[in-house]
N, C-alpha and C. Protein backbone atom coordinates (compact mmCIF):
# COMPACT_ATOMS: atom_id res chain seq x y z
N MET A 1 -15.90 -174.62 160.52
CA MET A 1 -15.21 -174.82 159.35
C MET A 1 -13.66 -174.82 159.34
N PRO A 2 -13.13 -175.76 158.67
CA PRO A 2 -11.55 -176.38 158.74
C PRO A 2 -10.93 -175.14 157.85
N LEU A 3 -9.89 -174.59 158.22
CA LEU A 3 -9.14 -174.16 157.35
C LEU A 3 -8.20 -174.78 156.44
N THR A 4 -8.43 -174.38 155.05
CA THR A 4 -7.56 -174.86 154.03
C THR A 4 -7.04 -173.78 153.15
N ALA A 5 -6.06 -174.21 152.52
CA ALA A 5 -5.10 -173.48 151.87
C ALA A 5 -5.25 -172.36 150.97
N SER A 6 -6.85 -172.26 150.65
CA SER A 6 -7.83 -171.53 149.67
C SER A 6 -8.38 -170.62 150.35
N THR A 7 -8.51 -170.97 151.73
CA THR A 7 -9.30 -169.98 152.66
C THR A 7 -8.38 -169.41 153.64
N SER A 8 -8.59 -167.77 153.83
CA SER A 8 -7.51 -167.68 154.95
C SER A 8 -8.43 -167.02 156.07
N ALA A 9 -7.97 -166.52 157.12
CA ALA A 9 -8.75 -165.99 158.50
C ALA A 9 -8.86 -164.62 158.19
N THR A 10 -9.84 -163.94 158.66
CA THR A 10 -10.31 -162.69 158.69
C THR A 10 -10.64 -162.22 160.21
N ALA A 11 -9.92 -160.91 160.29
CA ALA A 11 -10.45 -160.15 161.37
C ALA A 11 -11.07 -158.84 161.18
N PHE A 12 -12.23 -158.47 161.56
CA PHE A 12 -12.88 -157.46 161.44
C PHE A 12 -13.25 -157.36 159.70
N GLY A 13 -13.34 -158.27 159.46
CA GLY A 13 -13.70 -158.47 157.78
C GLY A 13 -12.37 -158.14 157.07
N ILE A 14 -11.25 -158.21 157.57
CA ILE A 14 -9.92 -157.81 157.03
C ILE A 14 -8.91 -158.95 157.32
N LYS A 15 -8.59 -159.45 155.90
CA LYS A 15 -7.58 -160.73 156.06
C LYS A 15 -6.54 -160.34 156.89
N ILE A 16 -6.09 -161.43 157.70
CA ILE A 16 -5.10 -161.17 158.74
C ILE A 16 -3.74 -160.96 157.92
N GLU A 17 -3.37 -161.39 156.89
CA GLU A 17 -2.00 -161.17 156.19
C GLU A 17 -2.22 -159.55 155.95
N ILE A 18 -3.21 -158.86 155.27
CA ILE A 18 -3.28 -157.44 155.32
C ILE A 18 -2.99 -157.12 156.57
N ILE A 19 -3.74 -157.21 157.61
CA ILE A 19 -3.20 -156.72 159.12
C ILE A 19 -2.08 -156.98 159.46
N LEU A 20 -1.38 -158.11 158.99
CA LEU A 20 0.08 -158.13 159.56
C LEU A 20 1.34 -157.08 158.77
N VAL A 21 0.94 -157.35 157.33
CA VAL A 21 1.69 -155.99 156.70
C VAL A 21 1.60 -154.72 157.19
N ILE A 22 0.32 -154.40 157.32
CA ILE A 22 0.11 -153.11 157.90
C ILE A 22 0.91 -152.91 159.36
N MET A 23 0.68 -153.72 160.30
CA MET A 23 1.43 -153.70 161.66
C MET A 23 2.74 -153.69 161.41
N LEU A 24 3.54 -154.35 160.53
CA LEU A 24 4.87 -154.34 159.98
C LEU A 24 5.27 -153.22 159.47
N VAL A 25 4.54 -152.50 158.59
CA VAL A 25 4.98 -151.09 158.40
C VAL A 25 4.72 -150.13 159.37
N ILE A 26 4.04 -150.16 160.32
CA ILE A 26 4.22 -149.10 161.51
C ILE A 26 5.13 -149.58 162.46
N ILE A 27 5.44 -150.68 162.59
CA ILE A 27 6.53 -151.18 163.27
C ILE A 27 7.89 -150.42 162.48
N LEU A 28 8.28 -150.65 161.47
CA LEU A 28 9.00 -150.09 160.88
C LEU A 28 9.30 -148.54 160.91
N VAL A 29 8.25 -147.97 160.84
CA VAL A 29 8.01 -146.84 160.88
C VAL A 29 8.54 -145.76 162.18
N LEU A 30 8.01 -146.84 163.50
CA LEU A 30 8.33 -146.40 164.58
C LEU A 30 9.71 -146.57 164.84
N ILE A 31 10.26 -147.73 164.43
CA ILE A 31 11.85 -148.03 164.83
C ILE A 31 12.73 -146.78 163.92
N VAL A 32 12.23 -146.33 162.63
CA VAL A 32 13.17 -145.36 162.00
C VAL A 32 12.70 -143.79 162.72
N ALA A 33 11.66 -143.56 163.54
CA ALA A 33 11.24 -142.77 164.56
C ALA A 33 12.27 -142.70 165.54
N LEU A 34 12.08 -143.79 166.16
CA LEU A 34 13.33 -143.86 167.37
C LEU A 34 14.63 -143.96 167.16
N VAL A 35 14.98 -144.44 166.00
CA VAL A 35 16.73 -144.13 165.72
C VAL A 35 16.77 -142.79 165.49
N LEU A 36 15.91 -141.76 164.89
CA LEU A 36 16.00 -140.64 164.55
C LEU A 36 16.19 -139.67 165.87
N THR A 37 15.24 -140.06 166.60
CA THR A 37 15.35 -139.38 167.99
C THR A 37 16.51 -139.92 168.97
N ILE A 38 16.97 -140.92 168.62
CA ILE A 38 18.21 -141.23 169.65
C ILE A 38 19.31 -140.78 168.76
N ARG A 39 19.38 -140.67 167.89
CA ARG A 39 20.50 -139.94 167.17
C ARG A 39 20.40 -138.26 167.70
N ARG A 40 19.47 -137.58 167.42
CA ARG A 40 19.05 -136.37 167.78
C ARG A 40 19.29 -136.19 169.35
N LEU A 41 18.98 -136.95 170.34
CA LEU A 41 19.05 -136.91 171.84
C LEU A 41 20.80 -136.90 172.01
N GLU A 42 21.58 -137.86 171.14
CA GLU A 42 22.84 -137.94 171.36
C GLU A 42 23.75 -136.77 170.54
N TYR A 43 23.34 -136.09 169.68
CA TYR A 43 23.74 -135.02 169.16
C TYR A 43 23.47 -133.88 170.33
N ILE A 44 22.21 -133.63 170.92
CA ILE A 44 22.18 -132.80 172.15
C ILE A 44 22.91 -132.89 173.10
N ASN A 45 23.34 -134.36 173.41
CA ASN A 45 24.04 -134.39 174.77
C ASN A 45 25.49 -134.08 174.64
N ARG A 46 26.04 -134.28 173.26
CA ARG A 46 27.28 -134.03 172.87
C ARG A 46 27.60 -132.63 173.33
N LYS A 47 26.46 -131.64 172.61
CA LYS A 47 26.50 -130.24 172.58
C LYS A 47 26.74 -129.86 173.87
N TYR A 48 25.66 -130.60 174.70
CA TYR A 48 25.68 -130.20 176.11
C TYR A 48 26.89 -130.32 176.86
N TYR A 49 27.29 -131.62 176.54
CA TYR A 49 28.72 -132.04 177.22
C TYR A 49 29.84 -130.85 176.84
N VAL A 50 29.90 -130.54 175.86
CA VAL A 50 31.03 -129.62 175.18
C VAL A 50 30.91 -128.36 175.87
N ILE A 51 29.67 -127.75 175.94
CA ILE A 51 29.27 -126.36 176.61
C ILE A 51 29.51 -126.53 178.04
N MET A 52 29.37 -127.86 178.76
CA MET A 52 29.31 -127.89 180.23
C MET A 52 30.73 -128.62 180.79
N SER A 53 31.31 -129.01 179.90
CA SER A 53 32.63 -129.71 180.58
C SER A 53 33.93 -129.00 180.11
N GLY A 54 34.70 -128.98 180.91
CA GLY A 54 35.97 -128.13 180.87
C GLY A 54 36.04 -126.92 181.15
N LYS A 55 37.24 -126.11 180.63
CA LYS A 55 37.16 -124.90 181.13
C LYS A 55 35.90 -124.15 180.79
N LYS A 56 35.81 -124.32 179.28
CA LYS A 56 34.27 -123.66 178.63
C LYS A 56 33.19 -123.86 179.60
N GLY A 57 32.87 -125.01 180.16
CA GLY A 57 32.02 -125.06 180.70
C GLY A 57 31.99 -124.44 182.09
N LYS A 58 33.17 -124.63 182.78
CA LYS A 58 33.29 -123.70 183.87
C LYS A 58 32.99 -122.31 183.93
N ASP A 59 33.40 -121.64 182.48
CA ASP A 59 33.22 -120.56 182.06
C ASP A 59 31.85 -120.00 181.88
N PHE A 60 31.13 -120.80 181.30
CA PHE A 60 29.71 -120.69 180.77
C PHE A 60 28.98 -120.63 182.14
N GLU A 61 29.10 -121.49 182.89
CA GLU A 61 28.33 -121.42 184.50
C GLU A 61 28.62 -120.18 184.94
N LYS A 62 29.89 -119.75 185.04
CA LYS A 62 30.34 -118.54 185.91
C LYS A 62 29.71 -117.49 185.14
N ILE A 63 29.65 -117.05 183.72
CA ILE A 63 28.95 -116.27 183.01
C ILE A 63 27.65 -116.19 183.50
N VAL A 64 26.87 -117.20 183.47
CA VAL A 64 25.64 -117.38 184.06
C VAL A 64 24.99 -116.81 185.25
N LEU A 65 26.01 -117.17 185.91
CA LEU A 65 25.78 -116.99 187.49
C LEU A 65 26.08 -115.26 187.55
N THR A 66 27.04 -115.08 186.97
CA THR A 66 27.35 -113.40 187.03
C THR A 66 26.38 -112.61 186.29
N ARG A 67 25.61 -112.80 185.47
CA ARG A 67 24.61 -112.36 184.85
C ARG A 67 23.11 -112.29 185.72
N PHE A 68 23.03 -113.56 186.77
CA PHE A 68 21.95 -113.68 187.35
C PHE A 68 22.10 -112.74 188.74
N LYS A 69 23.62 -112.60 189.10
CA LYS A 69 23.90 -111.31 190.13
C LYS A 69 23.67 -110.14 189.80
N GLU A 70 24.30 -109.79 188.54
CA GLU A 70 23.82 -108.52 187.74
C GLU A 70 22.29 -108.28 187.63
N MET A 71 21.66 -108.99 187.28
CA MET A 71 20.18 -108.77 187.23
C MET A 71 19.75 -108.50 188.34
N ASP A 72 20.11 -108.91 189.70
CA ASP A 72 19.59 -109.12 190.92
C ASP A 72 19.99 -107.34 191.20
N LYS A 73 21.30 -107.09 190.85
CA LYS A 73 21.54 -105.67 191.44
C LYS A 73 20.67 -104.56 190.25
N VAL A 74 20.53 -104.87 189.23
CA VAL A 74 19.73 -104.13 188.53
C VAL A 74 18.24 -104.18 188.83
N LYS A 75 17.56 -105.15 189.44
CA LYS A 75 16.48 -105.08 190.12
C LYS A 75 16.26 -104.07 191.22
N ALA A 76 17.28 -104.49 192.30
CA ALA A 76 17.25 -103.48 193.28
C ALA A 76 17.40 -102.09 193.02
N ASN A 77 18.64 -101.96 192.01
CA ASN A 77 18.51 -100.62 191.58
C ASN A 77 17.71 -99.74 191.06
N ALA A 78 16.58 -100.65 190.08
CA ALA A 78 15.21 -100.02 189.77
C ALA A 78 14.13 -99.80 190.94
N ARG A 79 14.35 -100.55 191.93
CA ARG A 79 13.50 -100.41 192.86
C ARG A 79 13.90 -99.28 193.66
N ARG A 80 15.15 -99.08 193.84
CA ARG A 80 15.70 -97.85 194.60
C ARG A 80 15.28 -96.47 193.85
N VAL A 81 15.63 -96.39 192.46
CA VAL A 81 15.12 -95.28 191.77
C VAL A 81 13.70 -95.06 191.68
N THR A 82 13.00 -96.01 191.76
CA THR A 82 11.44 -95.91 191.79
C THR A 82 10.89 -95.08 192.94
N SER A 83 11.74 -95.56 193.93
CA SER A 83 11.35 -94.96 195.55
C SER A 83 11.84 -93.54 195.24
N GLU A 84 12.72 -93.19 194.86
CA GLU A 84 13.39 -92.14 194.91
C GLU A 84 12.63 -91.24 193.84
N HIS A 85 11.97 -91.55 192.96
CA HIS A 85 11.36 -90.89 191.98
C HIS A 85 10.18 -90.55 192.44
N LYS A 86 9.44 -91.50 193.35
CA LYS A 86 8.23 -91.32 194.18
C LYS A 86 8.49 -90.06 194.96
N LYS A 87 9.51 -90.19 195.82
CA LYS A 87 9.94 -88.90 196.72
C LYS A 87 10.31 -87.68 196.00
N PHE A 88 11.00 -87.58 195.06
CA PHE A 88 10.97 -86.44 194.15
C PHE A 88 9.96 -85.77 193.53
N LYS A 89 9.34 -86.81 193.12
CA LYS A 89 7.83 -86.24 192.53
C LYS A 89 7.02 -85.59 193.25
N GLY A 90 6.99 -86.29 194.65
CA GLY A 90 6.00 -85.46 195.61
C GLY A 90 6.73 -84.08 196.13
N GLN A 91 8.19 -84.21 195.94
CA GLN A 91 8.81 -82.71 196.42
C GLN A 91 8.56 -81.65 195.28
N LEU A 92 8.37 -82.26 193.95
CA LEU A 92 8.27 -81.12 192.95
C LEU A 92 6.82 -80.74 192.77
N ASP A 93 5.93 -81.53 193.28
CA ASP A 93 4.42 -80.91 193.17
C ASP A 93 4.28 -79.44 194.22
N SER A 94 5.50 -79.30 194.91
CA SER A 94 5.01 -78.19 195.79
C SER A 94 6.12 -77.44 195.38
N CYS A 95 7.19 -77.49 194.50
CA CYS A 95 7.89 -76.51 194.37
C CYS A 95 7.37 -75.42 193.11
N ILE A 96 7.74 -74.29 192.90
CA ILE A 96 7.33 -73.36 192.06
C ILE A 96 7.77 -73.70 190.99
N ASP A 97 6.60 -73.49 190.05
CA ASP A 97 7.33 -74.16 188.60
C ASP A 97 6.22 -73.04 187.55
N LYS A 98 5.51 -72.15 188.11
CA LYS A 98 4.91 -71.14 187.28
C LYS A 98 5.11 -69.81 187.77
N ILE A 99 5.43 -68.79 186.70
CA ILE A 99 5.63 -67.51 187.05
C ILE A 99 5.03 -66.69 185.97
N GLY A 100 4.53 -65.36 186.55
CA GLY A 100 4.23 -64.59 185.88
C GLY A 100 4.32 -63.06 186.41
N LEU A 101 4.78 -62.21 185.43
CA LEU A 101 5.11 -61.04 185.79
C LEU A 101 4.47 -60.06 184.80
N VAL A 102 4.04 -58.91 185.70
CA VAL A 102 3.45 -57.65 185.11
C VAL A 102 4.13 -56.62 185.34
N LYS A 103 4.94 -55.82 184.62
CA LYS A 103 5.32 -54.46 185.03
C LYS A 103 4.52 -53.28 184.58
N TYR A 104 4.38 -52.40 185.54
CA TYR A 104 3.58 -51.12 185.48
C TYR A 104 3.89 -49.86 186.06
N ASP A 105 3.46 -48.88 185.70
CA ASP A 105 3.60 -47.61 186.51
C ASP A 105 2.67 -47.38 187.52
N ALA A 106 3.19 -47.37 188.84
CA ALA A 106 1.90 -47.34 190.14
C ALA A 106 1.35 -46.36 190.20
N PHE A 107 2.37 -44.99 189.98
CA PHE A 107 1.77 -43.68 190.16
C PHE A 107 1.59 -42.50 188.94
N ASP A 108 1.20 -43.00 187.97
CA ASP A 108 1.05 -42.42 186.79
C ASP A 108 2.12 -41.42 186.28
N ASN A 109 2.99 -42.19 185.58
CA ASN A 109 4.31 -41.23 185.23
C ASN A 109 5.33 -40.84 186.19
N GLN A 110 5.08 -41.22 187.17
CA GLN A 110 6.02 -40.24 188.22
C GLN A 110 7.31 -41.08 188.62
N ALA A 111 7.21 -42.73 188.43
CA ALA A 111 8.56 -43.50 188.26
C ALA A 111 8.96 -44.43 187.19
N GLY A 112 8.03 -44.34 186.12
CA GLY A 112 8.30 -45.14 185.07
C GLY A 112 7.93 -46.52 185.48
N ASN A 113 7.96 -47.46 184.76
CA ASN A 113 7.49 -48.82 184.67
C ASN A 113 8.31 -49.56 185.59
N LEU A 114 8.76 -49.19 186.58
CA LEU A 114 9.63 -50.00 187.87
C LEU A 114 8.60 -50.71 188.82
N SER A 115 7.27 -50.38 188.85
CA SER A 115 6.58 -51.53 189.62
C SER A 115 6.21 -52.59 189.16
N PHE A 116 5.90 -53.70 189.97
CA PHE A 116 5.50 -55.09 189.23
C PHE A 116 4.81 -55.81 190.26
N SER A 117 4.13 -56.83 189.58
CA SER A 117 3.36 -57.96 190.27
C SER A 117 4.24 -58.97 190.12
N LEU A 118 4.43 -59.97 190.85
CA LEU A 118 5.09 -61.23 190.19
C LEU A 118 4.10 -62.38 191.20
N ALA A 119 3.51 -63.29 190.23
CA ALA A 119 3.19 -64.53 190.80
C ALA A 119 3.95 -65.90 190.81
N LEU A 120 4.12 -66.32 191.94
CA LEU A 120 4.73 -67.63 191.88
C LEU A 120 3.87 -68.72 192.19
N LEU A 121 3.88 -69.77 191.44
CA LEU A 121 3.07 -70.64 191.63
C LEU A 121 3.14 -72.40 191.51
N ASN A 122 2.89 -73.19 192.27
CA ASN A 122 3.07 -74.26 191.96
C ASN A 122 2.31 -75.06 191.10
N GLN A 123 1.88 -76.55 191.00
CA GLN A 123 1.18 -77.24 189.85
C GLN A 123 -0.17 -76.88 190.45
N ASP A 124 -0.33 -76.81 191.82
CA ASP A 124 -1.64 -76.83 191.80
C ASP A 124 -2.24 -75.39 192.18
N ASN A 125 -1.54 -74.74 191.52
CA ASN A 125 -1.94 -73.03 191.84
C ASN A 125 -1.69 -72.43 193.01
N ASN A 126 -0.93 -73.07 193.76
CA ASN A 126 -0.95 -72.60 194.75
C ASN A 126 0.34 -71.39 195.25
N GLY A 127 0.53 -70.94 195.87
CA GLY A 127 1.72 -69.98 196.22
C GLY A 127 1.60 -68.47 196.57
N VAL A 128 2.27 -67.52 195.75
CA VAL A 128 1.98 -66.18 196.54
C VAL A 128 2.19 -65.14 194.98
N VAL A 129 1.58 -63.93 195.28
CA VAL A 129 1.88 -63.12 194.20
C VAL A 129 2.38 -62.10 195.21
N LEU A 130 3.77 -61.30 194.30
CA LEU A 130 4.06 -60.15 195.10
C LEU A 130 4.01 -58.86 194.39
N ASN A 131 3.43 -57.90 195.11
CA ASN A 131 3.49 -56.71 194.53
C ASN A 131 4.27 -55.57 195.19
N THR A 132 5.24 -55.11 194.11
CA THR A 132 5.86 -53.98 194.61
C THR A 132 5.78 -52.70 193.60
N MET A 133 5.37 -51.66 194.67
CA MET A 133 5.21 -50.32 193.90
C MET A 133 6.22 -49.62 194.06
N HIS A 134 6.82 -48.94 193.32
CA HIS A 134 8.09 -47.69 193.25
C HIS A 134 7.40 -46.48 192.72
N SER A 135 8.04 -45.60 193.82
CA SER A 135 7.85 -44.15 193.64
C SER A 135 8.72 -43.18 193.76
N ARG A 136 9.03 -42.32 193.66
CA ARG A 136 10.23 -41.49 193.94
C ARG A 136 10.33 -41.35 195.45
N GLN A 137 9.53 -41.63 196.43
CA GLN A 137 9.57 -41.55 197.65
C GLN A 137 10.14 -42.88 198.48
N GLY A 138 9.99 -43.83 197.65
CA GLY A 138 10.26 -45.40 198.38
C GLY A 138 9.86 -46.55 197.45
N CYS A 139 10.01 -47.58 197.73
CA CYS A 139 9.87 -48.69 197.39
C CYS A 139 8.70 -49.49 198.23
N TYR A 140 7.67 -49.98 197.99
CA TYR A 140 6.70 -50.86 199.10
C TYR A 140 6.42 -52.19 198.53
N THR A 141 6.25 -53.16 199.08
CA THR A 141 6.27 -54.58 198.50
C THR A 141 5.19 -55.19 199.78
N TYR A 142 4.28 -55.96 198.79
CA TYR A 142 3.30 -56.68 199.39
C TYR A 142 3.23 -57.88 198.96
N ALA A 143 2.77 -59.02 199.75
CA ALA A 143 2.85 -60.54 199.73
C ALA A 143 1.41 -60.92 199.97
N LYS A 144 0.65 -61.61 198.93
CA LYS A 144 -0.52 -62.16 199.17
C LYS A 144 -0.42 -63.75 199.01
N GLU A 145 -1.36 -64.42 199.80
CA GLU A 145 -1.29 -65.94 199.70
C GLU A 145 -2.12 -66.55 198.42
N ILE A 146 -1.63 -67.12 197.55
CA ILE A 146 -2.68 -67.75 196.90
C ILE A 146 -3.08 -69.02 196.73
N ILE A 147 -4.21 -69.52 196.75
CA ILE A 147 -4.44 -71.08 197.18
C ILE A 147 -5.66 -71.39 196.13
N LYS A 148 -5.09 -72.34 195.24
CA LYS A 148 -5.76 -72.67 194.17
C LYS A 148 -6.30 -71.55 193.06
N GLY A 149 -5.37 -70.73 192.88
CA GLY A 149 -5.49 -69.54 192.01
C GLY A 149 -6.27 -68.48 192.47
N GLU A 150 -6.46 -68.45 193.66
CA GLU A 150 -7.39 -67.41 194.35
C GLU A 150 -6.88 -66.80 195.39
N SER A 151 -7.27 -65.52 195.73
CA SER A 151 -6.66 -64.87 196.93
C SER A 151 -8.01 -64.48 197.95
N TYR A 152 -7.58 -64.81 199.29
CA TYR A 152 -8.80 -64.23 200.04
C TYR A 152 -8.64 -62.53 200.54
N ILE A 153 -7.38 -61.99 200.03
CA ILE A 153 -7.54 -60.96 199.99
C ILE A 153 -7.73 -60.02 198.81
N ALA A 154 -8.25 -58.81 198.48
CA ALA A 154 -8.76 -58.55 197.39
C ALA A 154 -7.44 -58.19 196.75
N LEU A 155 -7.23 -58.46 195.41
CA LEU A 155 -6.42 -58.32 194.34
C LEU A 155 -6.31 -57.34 193.43
N SER A 156 -5.13 -56.40 193.25
CA SER A 156 -5.41 -55.38 192.12
C SER A 156 -5.32 -55.78 190.66
N GLY A 157 -5.51 -55.05 189.65
CA GLY A 157 -5.47 -55.78 188.42
C GLY A 157 -4.52 -56.29 187.69
N GLU A 158 -3.18 -55.73 188.07
CA GLU A 158 -1.87 -56.07 188.06
C GLU A 158 -1.65 -57.60 188.68
N GLU A 159 -2.18 -57.43 189.81
CA GLU A 159 -1.88 -58.86 190.40
C GLU A 159 -2.77 -60.10 189.68
N LYS A 160 -4.09 -59.81 189.43
CA LYS A 160 -4.69 -60.81 188.86
C LYS A 160 -4.38 -61.02 187.47
N GLU A 161 -3.65 -60.25 186.71
CA GLU A 161 -3.02 -60.27 185.38
C GLU A 161 -1.72 -61.17 185.79
N ALA A 162 -1.00 -61.11 186.76
CA ALA A 162 0.25 -62.01 186.80
C ALA A 162 -0.02 -63.11 187.27
N ILE A 163 -1.08 -63.63 188.11
CA ILE A 163 -1.81 -64.83 188.40
C ILE A 163 -2.25 -65.52 187.19
N GLN A 164 -2.93 -64.86 186.39
CA GLN A 164 -3.21 -65.48 185.23
C GLN A 164 -2.35 -65.65 184.09
N LYS A 165 -1.07 -65.16 183.96
CA LYS A 165 -0.50 -65.26 183.06
C LYS A 165 0.66 -66.82 183.65
N ALA A 166 0.75 -66.53 184.92
CA ALA A 166 1.29 -67.83 185.81
C ALA A 166 0.58 -69.09 185.42
N MET A 167 -0.68 -68.88 185.61
CA MET A 167 -1.71 -70.30 185.47
C MET A 167 -1.74 -70.55 183.94
N THR A 168 -1.47 -69.71 182.92
CA THR A 168 -1.58 -70.15 181.79
C THR A 168 0.10 -70.15 180.91
N VAL A 169 0.82 -70.13 181.81
CA VAL A 169 2.05 -70.11 181.14
C VAL A 169 2.47 -71.18 180.13
N GLU A 170 2.24 -72.54 180.88
CA GLU A 170 2.71 -73.84 179.90
C GLU A 170 1.88 -73.65 178.58
N GLU A 171 0.56 -73.03 178.21
CA GLU A 171 -0.21 -72.87 177.09
C GLU A 171 0.56 -71.85 176.18
N GLU A 172 1.02 -70.78 176.84
CA GLU A 172 1.90 -69.62 176.32
C GLU A 172 3.00 -70.29 175.69
N ILE A 173 3.80 -71.12 176.35
CA ILE A 173 5.24 -71.99 175.95
C ILE A 173 4.76 -72.43 174.56
N GLU A 174 3.40 -73.65 175.13
CA GLU A 174 3.15 -74.08 173.63
C GLU A 174 2.98 -73.95 172.58
N ALA A 175 2.20 -72.68 172.67
CA ALA A 175 1.53 -71.73 171.62
C ALA A 175 3.42 -71.20 171.10
N LEU A 176 4.03 -70.88 171.73
CA LEU A 176 5.44 -70.35 171.09
C LEU A 176 6.38 -71.28 170.82
N THR A 177 6.26 -72.51 170.73
CA THR A 177 6.80 -73.62 170.48
C THR A 177 6.66 -74.33 169.27
N SER A 178 5.23 -74.50 169.38
CA SER A 178 4.55 -75.41 168.35
C SER A 178 4.71 -74.65 167.29
N THR A 179 5.22 -75.53 165.90
CA THR A 179 4.96 -74.96 164.54
C THR A 179 3.80 -75.39 163.69
N THR A 180 3.38 -74.65 162.70
CA THR A 180 2.23 -74.74 161.98
C THR A 180 2.92 -74.98 160.34
N PRO A 181 2.49 -75.71 159.76
CA PRO A 181 2.94 -76.00 158.30
C PRO A 181 3.17 -74.53 157.67
N ASP A 182 2.29 -73.66 157.90
CA ASP A 182 2.64 -72.22 157.40
C ASP A 182 3.95 -71.28 157.67
N GLU A 183 4.57 -71.87 159.00
CA GLU A 183 5.56 -71.38 159.80
C GLU A 183 6.55 -71.89 159.48
N THR A 184 6.79 -73.01 158.81
CA THR A 184 8.23 -73.92 158.64
C THR A 184 8.54 -73.07 157.58
N PHE A 185 10.11 -72.82 157.29
CA PHE A 185 10.79 -72.54 156.42
C PHE A 185 11.72 -73.21 155.57
N ASP A 186 11.26 -73.19 154.15
CA ASP A 186 12.29 -74.29 153.35
C ASP A 186 13.40 -73.41 152.61
N ILE A 187 14.40 -73.86 152.94
CA ILE A 187 15.81 -73.29 152.60
C ILE A 187 16.27 -74.16 151.45
N ASP A 188 16.51 -73.37 150.24
CA ASP A 188 16.91 -74.14 149.04
C ASP A 188 18.43 -73.86 148.62
C-alpha cells in the first residue's frame, strides 16, 4: 500500500512521529544530565587542583604522609603494649594477692593475742600459711605450703580460718564497698 499524506507509518503499533518525539525528549534529558555531570566533575577537579597544587597541596601531602607514619608508630606501640600486657599478666597470676590474718592467744591468757596465722595466696589459691605462736619463753614460726586452698600437712583451726579469709577476701571487700539503697545518705 502506497504512503499518502493522510496515512503515516507505524512501528509496534505506535506512530513513528510519537516514537521520534519520545526519543527526542530522552536525548534532551540525557544531554542535560551529561552537562550537569560535566559541570560537577569540573567543580571537583578544581577543588582537587586547589588542594593538591602549590604550597597547600604539598602541605596536605606532607600531613597525610605524617599521619600514616604516626599510625604505623601507634600500631607498633599497640603490639608492644599487648605483648608486655600478656607478659605482666602471666607474672601477676603468680603474685600474692590474697591475704588472710587471724590473731589468737596460743597459750590461754599467757601471752595475749600476739600469736597469728597469716595466709598468703595467689589467684589460684596457691601459697603459704605462716603460723607464729608467741609465748613468754619465745616465738615459734611454722610455714605450710598451700596448693589450691589445701595443705598436705594438718592445719590448725586458726590456719584454716586464715586460709578461708584469704580465699574470700574479694567477696568481703565487695560486701563492704557495695551500697544498698538503705545505706545511702541524703544530706539536705
